[in-house]
C-alpha cells in the first residue's frame, strides 16, 4: 500500500526571504495581540522559529556569496 502524502497541515517554506519576513511580521503581530488560544500560540511560536531560521539561513547564504565576490574579505557596508 502506498504511503500517504505528507500532511498538508504543515506549512511549507516561503517562496522568498521577503515572503518569510512578511509572514513573520504578521505572525508576531498576532502573537502579541494576546487573542490567540494556547494551542495556536504554541503552533505560531513554532512557525515563527521556522521562519526565523529560514531568514537567517538566507542571509548567511547571501553573506557567503558577498565574501566570494569580495575575494574572501567581508567589507563593512556604509550607506552614502
Protein backbone atom coordinates (compact mmCIF):
# COMPACT_ATOMS: atom_id res chain seq x y z
CA UNK A 1 0.00 0.00 0.00
CA UNK A 2 1.46 3.43 -0.94
CA UNK A 3 2.44 5.80 1.81
CA UNK A 4 0.16 8.73 2.48
CA UNK A 5 1.28 12.11 1.24
CA UNK A 6 2.83 14.37 3.85
CA UNK A 7 0.31 16.21 5.96
CA UNK A 8 -0.96 19.37 4.28
CA UNK A 9 -1.34 20.97 7.70
CA UNK A 10 2.43 21.52 7.91
CA UNK A 11 3.19 24.92 6.37
CA UNK A 12 5.72 24.94 3.59
CA UNK A 13 8.76 27.15 3.31
CA UNK A 14 8.13 30.61 1.91
CA UNK A 15 8.92 31.42 -1.70
CA UNK A 16 11.41 34.13 -0.78
CA UNK A 17 13.13 35.96 2.06
CA UNK A 18 10.68 38.83 1.66
CA UNK A 19 7.68 36.49 1.88
CA UNK A 20 9.11 34.87 5.01
CA UNK A 21 9.74 38.24 6.62
CA UNK A 22 6.20 39.44 5.84
CA UNK A 23 4.69 36.25 7.26
CA UNK A 24 6.88 36.52 10.35
CA UNK A 25 5.83 40.13 10.94
CA UNK A 26 2.14 39.19 10.66
CA UNK A 27 2.66 36.25 12.99
CA UNK A 28 4.42 38.35 15.62
CA UNK A 29 1.60 40.87 15.48
CA UNK A 30 -0.99 38.13 16.06
CA UNK A 31 1.06 36.58 18.87
CA UNK A 32 1.46 39.94 20.59
CA UNK A 33 -2.26 40.68 20.37
CA UNK A 34 -2.94 38.14 23.13
CA UNK A 35 -6.12 36.95 21.42
CA UNK A 36 -4.89 33.51 20.38
CA UNK A 37 -5.74 30.28 22.24
CA UNK A 38 -2.81 28.49 23.87
CA UNK A 39 -2.52 25.78 21.19
CA UNK A 40 -2.41 28.40 18.44
CA UNK A 41 0.21 30.32 20.40
CA UNK A 42 2.41 27.23 20.50
CA UNK A 43 1.99 26.44 16.81
CA UNK A 44 2.52 30.13 15.98
CA UNK A 45 5.72 30.17 18.00
CA UNK A 46 6.95 27.04 16.21
CA UNK A 47 6.14 28.54 12.80
CA UNK A 48 7.90 31.74 13.82
CA UNK A 49 11.01 29.76 14.75
CA UNK A 50 10.93 28.05 11.33
CA UNK A 51 10.57 31.39 9.55
CA UNK A 52 13.35 32.95 11.59
CA UNK A 53 15.70 30.05 10.75
CA UNK A 54 14.76 30.36 7.06
CA UNK A 55 15.54 34.10 7.08
CA UNK A 56 18.83 33.62 8.92
CA UNK A 57 19.88 30.88 6.51
CA UNK A 58 19.08 33.09 3.52
CA UNK A 59 21.05 36.00 4.99
CA UNK A 60 24.03 33.75 5.74
CA UNK A 61 23.95 32.43 2.16
CA UNK A 62 23.97 35.96 0.78
CA UNK A 63 26.80 36.93 3.12
CA UNK A 64 28.82 33.94 1.90
CA UNK A 65 28.24 34.98 -1.71
CA UNK A 66 29.36 38.52 -0.92
CA UNK A 67 32.54 37.18 0.68
CA UNK A 68 33.31 35.29 -2.52
CA UNK A 69 32.63 38.36 -4.64
CA UNK A 70 34.87 40.46 -2.38
CA UNK A 71 37.68 37.88 -2.64
CA UNK A 72 37.14 36.45 0.82
CA UNK A 73 37.10 39.73 2.71
CA UNK A 74 33.80 40.87 4.12
CA UNK A 75 33.75 44.65 3.83
CA UNK A 76 31.79 46.92 6.13
CA UNK A 77 28.87 48.50 4.35
CA UNK A 78 28.38 52.19 4.90
CA UNK A 79 25.41 53.99 3.37
CA UNK A 80 26.29 57.04 1.35
